[in-house]
Amino acid sequence: MRYDKPFYFVTEAEEVYDYDTGNYTLAEPTKERAWALTMPTSDRRQEMLYGAFKQTALTLLTQTDYTTQFEFIEVEGNRFRVDNKRTFKRDVAWEVSGIQ
């Protein structure tokens, strides 16, 4: 198996007060890159997880477990939320669905 697809654990930045302008500005989000084997979630698994089918459901398989705090996952510029995480002997499966 190849873990060749980059994805990012994204943490949104907090608003920071700018004393010069008197406005709040949003800093850049923090992105931590990771590598995964990416595949669409099977229809059977989607029905078990969601009770219906979703167009934007993916399964990401990583070799290591990431324990950092994050708000969402970004794959190819699209945002995904983690619906389920399963840890196996050598891999971690992240089942994610698209955020509108």
N, C-alpha and C. Protein backbone atom coordinates (compact mmCIF):
# COMPACT_ATOMS: atom_id res chain seq x y z
N MET A 1 0.84 -1.18 0.00
CA MET A 1 0.00 0.00 0.00
C MET A 1 0.88 1.23 0.00
N ARG A 2 0.43 2.23 -0.72
CA ARG A 2 1.17 3.48 -0.79
C ARG A 2 0.44 4.56 0.00
N TYR A 3 1.16 5.19 0.86
CA TYR A 3 0.63 6.31 1.63
C TYR A 3 1.18 7.58 0.98
N ASP A 4 0.65 7.89 -0.22
CA ASP A 4 1.25 8.92 -1.05
C ASP A 4 0.38 10.17 -1.24
N LYS A 5 -0.75 10.24 -0.59
CA LYS A 5 -1.64 11.38 -0.75
C LYS A 5 -1.50 12.33 0.44
N PRO A 6 -1.10 13.59 0.20
CA PRO A 6 -0.98 14.51 1.33
C PRO A 6 -2.35 15.02 1.79
N PHE A 7 -2.50 15.18 3.08
CA PHE A 7 -3.67 15.83 3.64
C PHE A 7 -3.20 16.63 4.85
N TYR A 8 -4.07 17.48 5.37
CA TYR A 8 -3.66 18.40 6.42
C TYR A 8 -4.62 18.36 7.61
N PHE A 9 -4.06 18.38 8.81
CA PHE A 9 -4.83 18.61 10.02
C PHE A 9 -4.83 20.13 10.21
N VAL A 10 -6.01 20.75 10.21
CA VAL A 10 -6.10 22.21 10.23
C VAL A 10 -6.69 22.68 11.54
N THR A 11 -6.05 23.70 12.13
CA THR A 11 -6.55 24.37 13.32
C THR A 11 -6.75 25.83 12.96
N GLU A 12 -7.98 26.30 13.08
CA GLU A 12 -8.28 27.70 12.79
C GLU A 12 -7.62 28.60 13.82
N ALA A 13 -7.12 29.73 13.38
CA ALA A 13 -6.49 30.69 14.28
C ALA A 13 -7.55 31.59 14.93
N GLU A 14 -7.21 32.11 16.08
CA GLU A 14 -8.13 33.01 16.77
C GLU A 14 -7.98 34.43 16.22
N GLU A 15 -9.00 35.24 16.43
CA GLU A 15 -8.91 36.63 16.02
C GLU A 15 -7.95 37.37 16.94
N VAL A 16 -7.14 38.24 16.36
CA VAL A 16 -6.15 39.00 17.10
C VAL A 16 -6.46 40.48 16.94
N TYR A 17 -6.40 41.22 18.03
CA TYR A 17 -6.68 42.65 17.98
C TYR A 17 -5.47 43.39 17.44
N ASP A 18 -5.69 44.21 16.42
CA ASP A 18 -4.64 45.02 15.82
C ASP A 18 -4.74 46.43 16.41
N TYR A 19 -3.76 46.81 17.21
CA TYR A 19 -3.78 48.11 17.89
C TYR A 19 -3.63 49.27 16.92
N ASP A 20 -3.00 49.05 15.78
CA ASP A 20 -2.80 50.13 14.81
C ASP A 20 -4.11 50.51 14.12
N THR A 21 -4.90 49.53 13.72
CA THR A 21 -6.14 49.81 13.00
C THR A 21 -7.37 49.81 13.90
N GLY A 22 -7.27 49.16 15.05
CA GLY A 22 -8.42 49.07 15.94
C GLY A 22 -9.40 47.98 15.54
N ASN A 23 -9.00 47.11 14.63
CA ASN A 23 -9.86 46.02 14.16
C ASN A 23 -9.29 44.67 14.60
N TYR A 24 -10.16 43.68 14.58
CA TYR A 24 -9.73 42.32 14.83
C TYR A 24 -9.37 41.69 13.48
N THR A 25 -8.26 41.00 13.43
CA THR A 25 -7.85 40.32 12.21
C THR A 25 -7.72 38.83 12.50
N LEU A 26 -7.99 38.05 11.49
CA LEU A 26 -7.91 36.59 11.61
C LEU A 26 -6.55 36.15 11.11
N ALA A 27 -5.79 35.49 11.95
CA ALA A 27 -4.47 34.99 11.56
C ALA A 27 -4.63 33.75 10.68
N GLU A 28 -3.56 33.36 10.04
CA GLU A 28 -3.58 32.19 9.16
C GLU A 28 -3.81 30.92 9.98
N PRO A 29 -4.58 29.98 9.43
CA PRO A 29 -4.78 28.72 10.14
C PRO A 29 -3.48 27.90 10.17
N THR A 30 -3.36 27.05 11.16
CA THR A 30 -2.20 26.19 11.30
C THR A 30 -2.50 24.86 10.61
N LYS A 31 -1.61 24.45 9.71
CA LYS A 31 -1.79 23.20 8.97
C LYS A 31 -0.61 22.28 9.24
N GLU A 32 -0.93 21.03 9.59
CA GLU A 32 0.10 20.02 9.78
C GLU A 32 -0.09 18.94 8.72
N ARG A 33 0.91 18.78 7.86
CA ARG A 33 0.79 17.84 6.75
C ARG A 33 1.03 16.41 7.22
N ALA A 34 0.26 15.50 6.64
CA ALA A 34 0.42 14.07 6.90
C ALA A 34 0.20 13.34 5.57
N TRP A 35 0.51 12.06 5.55
CA TRP A 35 0.38 11.27 4.33
C TRP A 35 -0.57 10.10 4.58
N ALA A 36 -1.38 9.78 3.58
CA ALA A 36 -2.37 8.72 3.75
C ALA A 36 -2.64 7.99 2.45
N LEU A 37 -3.19 6.81 2.60
CA LEU A 37 -3.80 6.09 1.50
C LEU A 37 -5.25 6.54 1.51
N THR A 38 -5.71 7.17 0.44
CA THR A 38 -7.05 7.75 0.39
C THR A 38 -7.93 6.92 -0.54
N MET A 39 -9.15 6.62 -0.06
CA MET A 39 -10.10 5.86 -0.87
C MET A 39 -11.52 6.29 -0.51
N PRO A 40 -12.45 6.15 -1.44
CA PRO A 40 -13.84 6.45 -1.10
C PRO A 40 -14.37 5.44 -0.09
N THR A 41 -15.21 5.89 0.81
CA THR A 41 -15.82 4.99 1.78
C THR A 41 -16.85 4.11 1.07
N SER A 42 -16.83 2.82 1.34
CA SER A 42 -17.74 1.90 0.67
C SER A 42 -19.19 2.19 1.03
N ASP A 43 -20.10 1.80 0.16
CA ASP A 43 -21.52 2.02 0.39
C ASP A 43 -22.01 1.33 1.66
N ARG A 44 -21.54 0.12 1.89
CA ARG A 44 -21.94 -0.63 3.08
C ARG A 44 -21.49 0.08 4.36
N ARG A 45 -20.25 0.58 4.35
CA ARG A 45 -19.72 1.29 5.52
C ARG A 45 -20.45 2.61 5.73
N GLN A 46 -20.78 3.32 4.65
CA GLN A 46 -21.53 4.58 4.77
C GLN A 46 -22.89 4.35 5.39
N GLU A 47 -23.55 3.28 5.00
CA GLU A 47 -24.86 3.00 5.57
C GLU A 47 -24.74 2.68 7.06
N MET A 48 -23.67 2.01 7.47
CA MET A 48 -23.47 1.73 8.89
C MET A 48 -23.18 3.01 9.67
N LEU A 49 -22.35 3.89 9.10
CA LEU A 49 -21.96 5.12 9.80
C LEU A 49 -23.05 6.17 9.82
N TYR A 50 -23.62 6.46 8.66
CA TYR A 50 -24.51 7.60 8.50
C TYR A 50 -25.98 7.24 8.34
N GLY A 51 -26.27 5.99 8.00
CA GLY A 51 -27.64 5.61 7.76
C GLY A 51 -28.11 6.00 6.37
N ALA A 52 -27.23 6.60 5.58
CA ALA A 52 -27.54 7.02 4.22
C ALA A 52 -26.22 7.11 3.46
N PHE A 53 -26.31 7.49 2.19
CA PHE A 53 -25.11 7.63 1.37
C PHE A 53 -24.73 9.10 1.27
N LYS A 54 -23.43 9.37 1.34
CA LYS A 54 -22.92 10.74 1.20
C LYS A 54 -21.98 10.79 0.01
N GLN A 55 -22.06 11.87 -0.74
CA GLN A 55 -21.20 12.02 -1.91
C GLN A 55 -19.74 12.19 -1.52
N THR A 56 -19.50 12.90 -0.44
CA THR A 56 -18.13 13.26 -0.09
C THR A 56 -17.65 12.53 1.16
N ALA A 57 -17.68 11.22 1.12
CA ALA A 57 -17.18 10.42 2.25
C ALA A 57 -15.91 9.71 1.81
N LEU A 58 -14.85 9.88 2.61
CA LEU A 58 -13.56 9.27 2.32
C LEU A 58 -13.07 8.47 3.51
N THR A 59 -12.20 7.52 3.22
CA THR A 59 -11.48 6.81 4.26
C THR A 59 -10.00 7.08 4.03
N LEU A 60 -9.34 7.60 5.06
CA LEU A 60 -7.91 7.88 5.01
C LEU A 60 -7.21 6.87 5.90
N LEU A 61 -6.20 6.22 5.37
CA LEU A 61 -5.45 5.23 6.12
C LEU A 61 -4.04 5.77 6.33
N THR A 62 -3.66 5.97 7.59
CA THR A 62 -2.33 6.49 7.91
C THR A 62 -1.53 5.43 8.65
N GLN A 63 -0.21 5.59 8.62
CA GLN A 63 0.65 4.63 9.31
C GLN A 63 0.86 5.00 10.77
N THR A 64 0.62 6.25 11.13
CA THR A 64 0.82 6.68 12.51
C THR A 64 -0.45 7.35 13.02
N ASP A 65 -0.59 7.35 14.33
CA ASP A 65 -1.73 8.01 14.95
C ASP A 65 -1.35 9.45 15.28
N TYR A 66 -2.18 10.39 14.87
CA TYR A 66 -1.93 11.80 15.13
C TYR A 66 -2.81 12.23 16.29
N THR A 67 -2.18 12.68 17.36
CA THR A 67 -2.94 13.04 18.56
C THR A 67 -3.04 14.54 18.74
N THR A 68 -2.56 15.31 17.79
CA THR A 68 -2.64 16.77 17.90
C THR A 68 -4.09 17.22 17.81
N GLN A 69 -4.40 18.34 18.47
CA GLN A 69 -5.74 18.91 18.40
C GLN A 69 -5.92 19.58 17.04
N PHE A 70 -7.06 19.36 16.40
CA PHE A 70 -7.35 19.99 15.12
C PHE A 70 -8.85 20.16 15.00
N GLU A 71 -9.27 21.01 14.07
CA GLU A 71 -10.69 21.29 13.89
C GLU A 71 -11.29 20.53 12.71
N PHE A 72 -10.51 20.39 11.64
CA PHE A 72 -10.99 19.63 10.49
C PHE A 72 -9.78 19.14 9.70
N ILE A 73 -10.06 18.28 8.72
CA ILE A 73 -9.02 17.74 7.84
C ILE A 73 -9.25 18.32 6.45
N GLU A 74 -8.17 18.66 5.78
CA GLU A 74 -8.25 19.20 4.43
C GLU A 74 -7.58 18.24 3.46
N VAL A 75 -8.33 17.82 2.43
CA VAL A 75 -7.82 16.94 1.39
C VAL A 75 -8.09 17.61 0.05
N GLU A 76 -7.04 17.89 -0.70
CA GLU A 76 -7.14 18.54 -2.01
C GLU A 76 -7.96 19.81 -1.96
N GLY A 77 -7.79 20.60 -0.91
CA GLY A 77 -8.49 21.87 -0.78
C GLY A 77 -9.91 21.78 -0.26
N ASN A 78 -10.42 20.58 -0.01
CA ASN A 78 -11.77 20.38 0.51
C ASN A 78 -11.71 20.07 2.00
N ARG A 79 -12.69 20.59 2.74
CA ARG A 79 -12.74 20.39 4.19
C ARG A 79 -13.57 19.15 4.54
N PHE A 80 -13.05 18.39 5.51
CA PHE A 80 -13.73 17.18 5.98
C PHE A 80 -13.72 17.15 7.49
N ARG A 81 -14.79 16.61 8.08
CA ARG A 81 -14.84 16.40 9.52
C ARG A 81 -14.64 14.90 9.78
N VAL A 82 -14.04 14.59 10.91
CA VAL A 82 -13.78 13.20 11.26
C VAL A 82 -15.04 12.62 11.90
N ASP A 83 -15.57 11.57 11.30
CA ASP A 83 -16.77 10.91 11.81
C ASP A 83 -16.42 9.68 12.65
N ASN A 84 -15.32 9.04 12.30
CA ASN A 84 -14.93 7.83 13.02
C ASN A 84 -13.43 7.63 12.84
N LYS A 85 -12.81 7.11 13.88
CA LYS A 85 -11.38 6.81 13.84
C LYS A 85 -11.19 5.42 14.42
N ARG A 86 -10.53 4.55 13.66
CA ARG A 86 -10.27 3.19 14.12
C ARG A 86 -8.77 2.94 14.10
N THR A 87 -8.26 2.41 15.19
CA THR A 87 -6.83 2.13 15.30
C THR A 87 -6.61 0.63 15.19
N PHE A 88 -5.74 0.26 14.26
CA PHE A 88 -5.40 -1.14 14.06
C PHE A 88 -3.96 -1.37 14.53
N LYS A 89 -3.45 -2.56 14.31
CA LYS A 89 -2.10 -2.88 14.77
C LYS A 89 -1.05 -1.98 14.12
N ARG A 90 -1.15 -1.77 12.81
CA ARG A 90 -0.15 -0.97 12.11
C ARG A 90 -0.69 0.31 11.50
N ASP A 91 -1.97 0.44 11.36
CA ASP A 91 -2.57 1.58 10.67
C ASP A 91 -3.66 2.23 11.51
N VAL A 92 -4.03 3.43 11.08
CA VAL A 92 -5.16 4.15 11.67
C VAL A 92 -6.08 4.54 10.51
N ALA A 93 -7.36 4.21 10.61
CA ALA A 93 -8.34 4.56 9.59
C ALA A 93 -9.17 5.75 10.07
N TRP A 94 -9.20 6.80 9.28
CA TRP A 94 -9.99 8.01 9.56
C TRP A 94 -11.14 8.02 8.56
N GLU A 95 -12.36 7.94 9.03
CA GLU A 95 -13.53 8.02 8.15
C GLU A 95 -14.07 9.43 8.27
N VAL A 96 -14.06 10.14 7.14
CA VAL A 96 -14.37 11.56 7.13
C VAL A 96 -15.48 11.85 6.12
N SER A 97 -16.21 12.93 6.37
CA SER A 97 -17.24 13.38 5.42
C SER A 97 -17.09 14.87 5.18
N GLY A 98 -17.52 15.33 4.03
CA GLY A 98 -17.34 16.71 3.63
C GLY A 98 -18.15 17.69 4.45
N ILE A 99 -17.54 18.87 4.66
CA ILE A 99 -18.20 19.96 5.37
C ILE A 99 -18.70 20.93 4.30
N GLN A 100 -19.95 21.30 4.39
CA GLN A 100 -20.52 22.23 3.40
C GLN A 100 -20.11 23.65 3.67
